[in-house]
Amino acid sequence: MDRLVGIDYGRKRVGVAVSDPLCIFASALETVHSAKIIEYLVNYARQETIRLFVVGYPTNMDGRPSEAAKDVDIFLKQLRKAFPDIPVVTEDERFTSVLAHRAMIDGGMKYKDRKDKASVDKISAAIILQSYMDRTK
C-alpha cells in the first residue's frame, strides 16, 4: 500500500516519519545522518510504495524562508532528482521542535531521553506529516 513520507531535514540529522497505509496517522520512523538520507530513502522505497514526500520547510514568523531554508532547498533538488516520479510538497515546520518536546513530555518520556536530538527530529517529522495529512483531508 502507498505511504506518505514526512521529512524534517537538518544539516546534521534528518527525521523521517511515515503514514499508515490508509494515510490517516503519521508515525516517527528513524533519524538518519544527512549525508545518508537519499540512500536511506532509496532503500525504504524498495520495501514500500511511496506516494508523496512531505518535507518540512523552515520559515520565519513573517512567513519568509529562514536561513536554514537554503539547506532544505538543496535537499529538495536532490530528492526530486533521486525520485523524479514521486511528488514532493513542503509543509511549514514552524514550532515543530517545540511541539515534539511537548509530545515527549506528555508521553512521559524521561528528561534524559528528551535531550536526545535524534528523537526530536523524528517526532518533528511525524508532526510535519500529520499536519499535512490533517490539512489536506
N, C-alpha and C. Protein backbone atom coordinates (compact mmCIF):
# COMPACT_ATOMS: atom_id res chain seq x y z
N MET A 1 0.84 -1.19 0.00
CA MET A 1 0.00 0.00 0.00
C MET A 1 0.88 1.24 0.00
N ASP A 2 0.33 2.29 -0.54
CA ASP A 2 1.08 3.55 -0.62
C ASP A 2 1.23 4.20 0.75
N ARG A 3 2.36 4.87 0.90
CA ARG A 3 2.62 5.61 2.13
C ARG A 3 3.11 7.01 1.79
N LEU A 4 2.87 7.91 2.71
CA LEU A 4 3.43 9.25 2.63
C LEU A 4 4.65 9.25 3.55
N VAL A 5 5.69 9.97 3.16
CA VAL A 5 6.90 10.06 3.97
C VAL A 5 7.11 11.51 4.37
N GLY A 6 7.23 11.74 5.67
CA GLY A 6 7.49 13.07 6.20
C GLY A 6 8.97 13.20 6.52
N ILE A 7 9.53 14.37 6.23
CA ILE A 7 10.96 14.59 6.43
C ILE A 7 11.19 15.92 7.13
N ASP A 8 11.98 15.85 8.21
CA ASP A 8 12.45 17.05 8.90
C ASP A 8 13.95 17.12 8.64
N TYR A 9 14.34 17.91 7.62
CA TYR A 9 15.73 17.96 7.17
C TYR A 9 16.54 18.93 8.02
N GLY A 10 17.71 18.47 8.41
CA GLY A 10 18.66 19.31 9.12
C GLY A 10 20.06 19.06 8.59
N ARG A 11 20.95 19.98 8.84
CA ARG A 11 22.32 19.86 8.35
C ARG A 11 23.02 18.59 8.82
N LYS A 12 22.75 18.19 10.06
CA LYS A 12 23.40 17.01 10.63
C LYS A 12 22.54 15.76 10.58
N ARG A 13 21.26 15.94 10.94
CA ARG A 13 20.35 14.80 11.06
C ARG A 13 19.05 15.09 10.30
N VAL A 14 18.41 13.99 9.89
CA VAL A 14 17.12 14.10 9.21
C VAL A 14 16.14 13.17 9.90
N GLY A 15 15.05 13.74 10.36
CA GLY A 15 13.99 12.93 10.94
C GLY A 15 13.07 12.44 9.83
N VAL A 16 12.68 11.17 9.93
CA VAL A 16 11.82 10.56 8.92
C VAL A 16 10.60 9.97 9.62
N ALA A 17 9.44 10.20 9.02
CA ALA A 17 8.19 9.64 9.53
C ALA A 17 7.41 9.07 8.35
N VAL A 18 6.50 8.16 8.62
CA VAL A 18 5.68 7.57 7.56
C VAL A 18 4.22 7.54 8.00
N SER A 19 3.36 7.52 7.00
CA SER A 19 1.94 7.38 7.27
C SER A 19 1.61 5.89 7.37
N ASP A 20 0.48 5.61 7.95
CA ASP A 20 -0.03 4.25 7.89
C ASP A 20 -0.53 4.02 6.46
N PRO A 21 -0.80 2.77 6.07
CA PRO A 21 -1.22 2.51 4.69
C PRO A 21 -2.48 3.26 4.25
N LEU A 22 -3.35 3.61 5.20
CA LEU A 22 -4.57 4.34 4.85
C LEU A 22 -4.36 5.86 4.88
N CYS A 23 -3.15 6.28 5.24
CA CYS A 23 -2.78 7.71 5.29
C CYS A 23 -3.67 8.50 6.26
N ILE A 24 -3.87 7.91 7.44
CA ILE A 24 -4.67 8.56 8.48
C ILE A 24 -3.78 9.16 9.56
N PHE A 25 -2.75 8.41 9.96
CA PHE A 25 -1.87 8.93 11.01
C PHE A 25 -0.40 8.74 10.65
N ALA A 26 0.44 9.59 11.24
CA ALA A 26 1.88 9.56 10.99
C ALA A 26 2.59 8.95 12.19
N SER A 27 3.66 8.23 11.90
CA SER A 27 4.49 7.63 12.95
C SER A 27 5.95 7.98 12.71
N ALA A 28 6.65 8.32 13.79
CA ALA A 28 8.09 8.56 13.69
C ALA A 28 8.75 7.25 13.27
N LEU A 29 9.69 7.34 12.34
CA LEU A 29 10.33 6.13 11.83
C LEU A 29 11.80 6.05 12.23
N GLU A 30 12.58 7.06 11.87
CA GLU A 30 14.03 6.97 12.02
C GLU A 30 14.65 8.35 11.99
N THR A 31 15.87 8.44 12.51
CA THR A 31 16.69 9.63 12.33
C THR A 31 17.94 9.17 11.60
N VAL A 32 18.28 9.85 10.52
CA VAL A 32 19.36 9.44 9.62
C VAL A 32 20.34 10.59 9.49
N HIS A 33 21.61 10.27 9.36
CA HIS A 33 22.62 11.29 9.10
C HIS A 33 22.31 11.94 7.75
N SER A 34 22.44 13.25 7.66
CA SER A 34 22.08 13.99 6.45
C SER A 34 22.77 13.47 5.19
N ALA A 35 24.03 13.07 5.32
CA ALA A 35 24.77 12.59 4.16
C ALA A 35 24.23 11.27 3.62
N LYS A 36 23.44 10.56 4.42
CA LYS A 36 22.95 9.24 4.01
C LYS A 36 21.44 9.20 3.75
N ILE A 37 20.79 10.34 3.77
CA ILE A 37 19.33 10.33 3.69
C ILE A 37 18.79 9.83 2.34
N ILE A 38 19.40 10.24 1.25
CA ILE A 38 18.90 9.77 -0.06
C ILE A 38 19.05 8.26 -0.16
N GLU A 39 20.20 7.75 0.25
CA GLU A 39 20.43 6.30 0.24
C GLU A 39 19.39 5.58 1.12
N TYR A 40 19.13 6.13 2.28
CA TYR A 40 18.13 5.55 3.18
C TYR A 40 16.74 5.52 2.50
N LEU A 41 16.36 6.62 1.88
CA LEU A 41 15.05 6.69 1.23
C LEU A 41 14.95 5.75 0.04
N VAL A 42 16.03 5.60 -0.71
CA VAL A 42 16.05 4.66 -1.84
C VAL A 42 15.81 3.24 -1.32
N ASN A 43 16.50 2.88 -0.24
CA ASN A 43 16.30 1.55 0.34
C ASN A 43 14.89 1.37 0.88
N TYR A 44 14.35 2.41 1.51
CA TYR A 44 12.98 2.34 2.02
C TYR A 44 11.98 2.15 0.87
N ALA A 45 12.23 2.85 -0.23
CA ALA A 45 11.33 2.77 -1.39
C ALA A 45 11.35 1.39 -2.04
N ARG A 46 12.38 0.61 -1.78
CA ARG A 46 12.42 -0.76 -2.30
C ARG A 46 11.46 -1.67 -1.53
N GLN A 47 11.15 -1.28 -0.29
CA GLN A 47 10.28 -2.09 0.57
C GLN A 47 8.84 -1.61 0.58
N GLU A 48 8.65 -0.30 0.42
CA GLU A 48 7.32 0.30 0.50
C GLU A 48 7.09 1.20 -0.71
N THR A 49 5.84 1.36 -1.09
CA THR A 49 5.50 2.27 -2.17
C THR A 49 5.26 3.66 -1.58
N ILE A 50 6.06 4.61 -2.03
CA ILE A 50 5.94 5.98 -1.54
C ILE A 50 5.09 6.77 -2.54
N ARG A 51 4.01 7.34 -2.04
CA ARG A 51 3.12 8.14 -2.89
C ARG A 51 3.51 9.60 -2.92
N LEU A 52 4.09 10.10 -1.80
CA LEU A 52 4.37 11.52 -1.67
C LEU A 52 5.41 11.75 -0.58
N PHE A 53 6.29 12.73 -0.81
CA PHE A 53 7.21 13.20 0.23
C PHE A 53 6.67 14.53 0.75
N VAL A 54 6.63 14.68 2.07
CA VAL A 54 6.25 15.94 2.71
C VAL A 54 7.47 16.41 3.49
N VAL A 55 8.07 17.51 3.03
CA VAL A 55 9.30 18.00 3.62
C VAL A 55 9.02 19.28 4.40
N GLY A 56 9.45 19.30 5.65
CA GLY A 56 9.30 20.50 6.47
C GLY A 56 10.13 21.64 5.90
N TYR A 57 9.51 22.81 5.79
CA TYR A 57 10.21 23.96 5.22
C TYR A 57 10.29 25.05 6.29
N PRO A 58 11.53 25.45 6.62
CA PRO A 58 11.72 26.44 7.70
C PRO A 58 11.40 27.86 7.27
N THR A 59 10.51 28.50 8.00
CA THR A 59 10.14 29.88 7.71
C THR A 59 10.23 30.72 8.97
N ASN A 60 10.40 32.01 8.76
CA ASN A 60 10.39 32.96 9.87
C ASN A 60 8.95 33.24 10.28
N MET A 61 8.78 33.99 11.34
CA MET A 61 7.43 34.30 11.82
C MET A 61 6.62 35.09 10.79
N ASP A 62 7.30 35.83 9.91
CA ASP A 62 6.58 36.59 8.88
C ASP A 62 6.27 35.75 7.64
N GLY A 63 6.62 34.47 7.68
CA GLY A 63 6.31 33.58 6.57
C GLY A 63 7.39 33.48 5.51
N ARG A 64 8.41 34.31 5.61
CA ARG A 64 9.51 34.24 4.63
C ARG A 64 10.46 33.11 5.00
N PRO A 65 11.14 32.51 4.01
CA PRO A 65 12.09 31.42 4.30
C PRO A 65 13.18 31.89 5.27
N SER A 66 13.55 31.00 6.19
CA SER A 66 14.61 31.31 7.15
C SER A 66 15.97 30.96 6.55
N GLU A 67 17.03 31.21 7.31
CA GLU A 67 18.39 30.87 6.87
C GLU A 67 18.51 29.40 6.53
N ALA A 68 17.91 28.55 7.33
CA ALA A 68 18.01 27.10 7.13
C ALA A 68 17.32 26.64 5.84
N ALA A 69 16.48 27.47 5.26
CA ALA A 69 15.77 27.10 4.04
C ALA A 69 16.74 26.83 2.88
N LYS A 70 17.90 27.46 2.89
CA LYS A 70 18.89 27.23 1.83
C LYS A 70 19.31 25.77 1.80
N ASP A 71 19.55 25.20 2.97
CA ASP A 71 19.93 23.78 3.05
C ASP A 71 18.78 22.89 2.58
N VAL A 72 17.58 23.23 2.97
CA VAL A 72 16.41 22.44 2.57
C VAL A 72 16.21 22.53 1.06
N ASP A 73 16.43 23.70 0.47
CA ASP A 73 16.30 23.85 -0.99
C ASP A 73 17.26 22.92 -1.73
N ILE A 74 18.49 22.81 -1.24
CA ILE A 74 19.47 21.91 -1.85
C ILE A 74 19.00 20.46 -1.72
N PHE A 75 18.51 20.11 -0.54
CA PHE A 75 17.99 18.76 -0.32
C PHE A 75 16.80 18.47 -1.24
N LEU A 76 15.90 19.44 -1.39
CA LEU A 76 14.74 19.24 -2.26
C LEU A 76 15.15 18.92 -3.68
N LYS A 77 16.18 19.57 -4.18
CA LYS A 77 16.69 19.27 -5.53
C LYS A 77 17.22 17.84 -5.61
N GLN A 78 17.96 17.43 -4.59
CA GLN A 78 18.50 16.07 -4.56
C GLN A 78 17.37 15.04 -4.50
N LEU A 79 16.36 15.31 -3.69
CA LEU A 79 15.24 14.41 -3.53
C LEU A 79 14.47 14.26 -4.84
N ARG A 80 14.19 15.37 -5.48
CA ARG A 80 13.45 15.32 -6.76
C ARG A 80 14.25 14.62 -7.85
N LYS A 81 15.56 14.77 -7.80
CA LYS A 81 16.42 14.09 -8.78
C LYS A 81 16.42 12.58 -8.54
N ALA A 82 16.50 12.18 -7.28
CA ALA A 82 16.53 10.76 -6.93
C ALA A 82 15.18 10.08 -7.14
N PHE A 83 14.08 10.83 -7.00
CA PHE A 83 12.73 10.29 -7.10
C PHE A 83 11.89 11.14 -8.05
N PRO A 84 12.22 11.15 -9.34
CA PRO A 84 11.52 12.05 -10.28
C PRO A 84 10.03 11.75 -10.45
N ASP A 85 9.60 10.55 -10.10
CA ASP A 85 8.19 10.17 -10.28
C ASP A 85 7.34 10.32 -9.02
N ILE A 86 7.95 10.74 -7.93
CA ILE A 86 7.21 10.89 -6.67
C ILE A 86 7.09 12.38 -6.35
N PRO A 87 5.87 12.88 -6.20
CA PRO A 87 5.69 14.30 -5.88
C PRO A 87 6.31 14.66 -4.52
N VAL A 88 6.77 15.90 -4.43
CA VAL A 88 7.35 16.44 -3.20
C VAL A 88 6.61 17.72 -2.87
N VAL A 89 6.12 17.83 -1.66
CA VAL A 89 5.49 19.06 -1.19
C VAL A 89 6.21 19.53 0.06
N THR A 90 6.10 20.82 0.33
CA THR A 90 6.69 21.35 1.56
C THR A 90 5.57 21.73 2.52
N GLU A 91 5.90 21.66 3.79
CA GLU A 91 4.96 21.98 4.86
C GLU A 91 5.68 22.88 5.86
N ASP A 92 5.02 23.94 6.27
CA ASP A 92 5.59 24.87 7.26
C ASP A 92 5.99 24.09 8.50
N GLU A 93 7.24 24.24 8.91
CA GLU A 93 7.71 23.49 10.07
C GLU A 93 7.89 24.35 11.31
N ARG A 94 7.36 25.57 11.28
CA ARG A 94 7.46 26.40 12.48
C ARG A 94 6.87 25.69 13.69
N PHE A 95 7.57 25.76 14.78
CA PHE A 95 7.14 25.23 16.08
C PHE A 95 7.13 23.70 16.19
N THR A 96 7.61 22.98 15.16
CA THR A 96 7.55 21.52 15.27
C THR A 96 8.47 21.00 16.37
N SER A 97 9.62 21.62 16.57
CA SER A 97 10.51 21.16 17.65
C SER A 97 9.87 21.38 19.01
N VAL A 98 9.20 22.51 19.17
CA VAL A 98 8.50 22.79 20.43
C VAL A 98 7.39 21.77 20.64
N LEU A 99 6.63 21.50 19.59
CA LEU A 99 5.55 20.51 19.69
C LEU A 99 6.11 19.12 19.96
N ALA A 100 7.26 18.79 19.37
CA ALA A 100 7.88 17.49 19.60
C ALA A 100 8.29 17.34 21.06
N HIS A 101 8.89 18.38 21.62
CA HIS A 101 9.26 18.35 23.05
C HIS A 101 8.01 18.19 23.92
N ARG A 102 6.96 18.90 23.59
CA ARG A 102 5.72 18.81 24.35
C ARG A 102 5.15 17.39 24.26
N ALA A 103 5.19 16.79 23.08
CA ALA A 103 4.69 15.42 22.91
C ALA A 103 5.50 14.43 23.73
N MET A 104 6.81 14.64 23.81
CA MET A 104 7.65 13.75 24.60
C MET A 104 7.33 13.88 26.09
N ILE A 105 7.12 15.11 26.55
CA ILE A 105 6.77 15.34 27.95
C ILE A 105 5.41 14.71 28.25
N ASP A 106 4.43 15.01 27.39
CA ASP A 106 3.09 14.47 27.60
C ASP A 106 3.07 12.95 27.54
N GLY A 107 3.99 12.38 26.75
CA GLY A 107 4.07 10.92 26.64
C GLY A 107 4.84 10.27 27.77
N GLY A 108 5.35 11.08 28.70
CA GLY A 108 6.04 10.54 29.85
C GLY A 108 7.50 10.19 29.61
N MET A 109 8.09 10.71 28.55
CA MET A 109 9.49 10.41 28.26
C MET A 109 10.38 11.06 29.32
N LYS A 110 11.37 10.33 29.77
CA LYS A 110 12.28 10.83 30.79
C LYS A 110 13.11 11.99 30.25
N TYR A 111 13.54 12.85 31.16
CA TYR A 111 14.32 14.05 30.80
C TYR A 111 15.56 13.68 29.98
N LYS A 112 16.27 12.67 30.41
CA LYS A 112 17.49 12.25 29.70
C LYS A 112 17.18 11.88 28.25
N ASP A 113 16.09 11.16 28.05
CA ASP A 113 15.70 10.75 26.70
C ASP A 113 15.23 11.93 25.85
N ARG A 114 14.63 12.94 26.49
CA ARG A 114 14.17 14.12 25.75
C ARG A 114 15.34 14.96 25.25
N LYS A 115 16.51 14.80 25.84
CA LYS A 115 17.70 15.53 25.41
C LYS A 115 18.29 14.97 24.11
N ASP A 116 17.86 13.78 23.73
CA ASP A 116 18.35 13.13 22.51
C ASP A 116 17.73 13.83 21.29
N LYS A 117 18.55 14.58 20.58
CA LYS A 117 18.04 15.36 19.45
C LYS A 117 17.52 14.48 18.32
N ALA A 118 18.02 13.28 18.21
CA ALA A 118 17.53 12.37 17.18
C ALA A 118 16.04 12.05 17.40
N SER A 119 15.64 11.91 18.66
CA SER A 119 14.22 11.67 18.96
C SER A 119 13.38 12.87 18.56
N VAL A 120 13.87 14.06 18.85
CA VAL A 120 13.15 15.28 18.49
C VAL A 120 12.96 15.35 16.98
N ASP A 121 14.01 15.01 16.22
CA ASP A 121 13.94 15.11 14.76
C ASP A 121 12.90 14.18 14.15
N LYS A 122 12.84 12.94 14.61
CA LYS A 122 11.87 12.02 14.00
C LYS A 122 10.45 12.32 14.48
N ILE A 123 10.30 12.80 15.70
CA ILE A 123 8.97 13.21 16.15
C ILE A 123 8.52 14.46 15.40
N SER A 124 9.45 15.38 15.14
CA SER A 124 9.14 16.57 14.34
C SER A 124 8.69 16.17 12.94
N ALA A 125 9.34 15.17 12.36
CA ALA A 125 8.94 14.69 11.03
C ALA A 125 7.51 14.16 11.07
N ALA A 126 7.17 13.45 12.15
CA ALA A 126 5.80 12.93 12.28
C ALA A 126 4.79 14.07 12.42
N ILE A 127 5.17 15.11 13.14
CA ILE A 127 4.27 16.27 13.29
C ILE A 127 4.08 16.97 11.96
N ILE A 128 5.15 17.13 11.20
CA ILE A 128 5.07 17.75 9.87
C ILE A 128 4.13 16.94 8.98
N LEU A 129 4.32 15.63 8.96
CA LEU A 129 3.49 14.77 8.12
C LEU A 129 2.03 14.77 8.58
N GLN A 130 1.81 14.67 9.88
CA GLN A 130 0.44 14.67 10.39
C GLN A 130 -0.26 16.00 10.08
N SER A 131 0.47 17.09 10.21
CA SER A 131 -0.08 18.40 9.90
C SER A 131 -0.53 18.48 8.44
N TYR A 132 0.29 17.95 7.55
CA TYR A 132 -0.07 17.94 6.13
C TYR A 132 -1.32 17.08 5.90
N MET A 133 -1.34 15.88 6.48
CA MET A 133 -2.47 14.99 6.27
C MET A 133 -3.76 15.57 6.83
N ASP A 134 -3.68 16.19 8.00
CA ASP A 134 -4.88 16.82 8.60
C ASP A 134 -5.39 17.96 7.75
N ARG A 135 -4.47 18.73 7.20
CA ARG A 135 -4.83 19.91 6.40
C ARG A 135 -5.42 19.53 5.05
N THR A 136 -5.01 18.40 4.51
CA THR A 136 -5.45 18.04 3.15
C THR A 136 -6.56 17.01 3.10
N LYS A 137 -7.10 16.61 4.25
CA LYS A 137 -8.20 15.63 4.25
C LYS A 137 -9.42 16.18 3.58
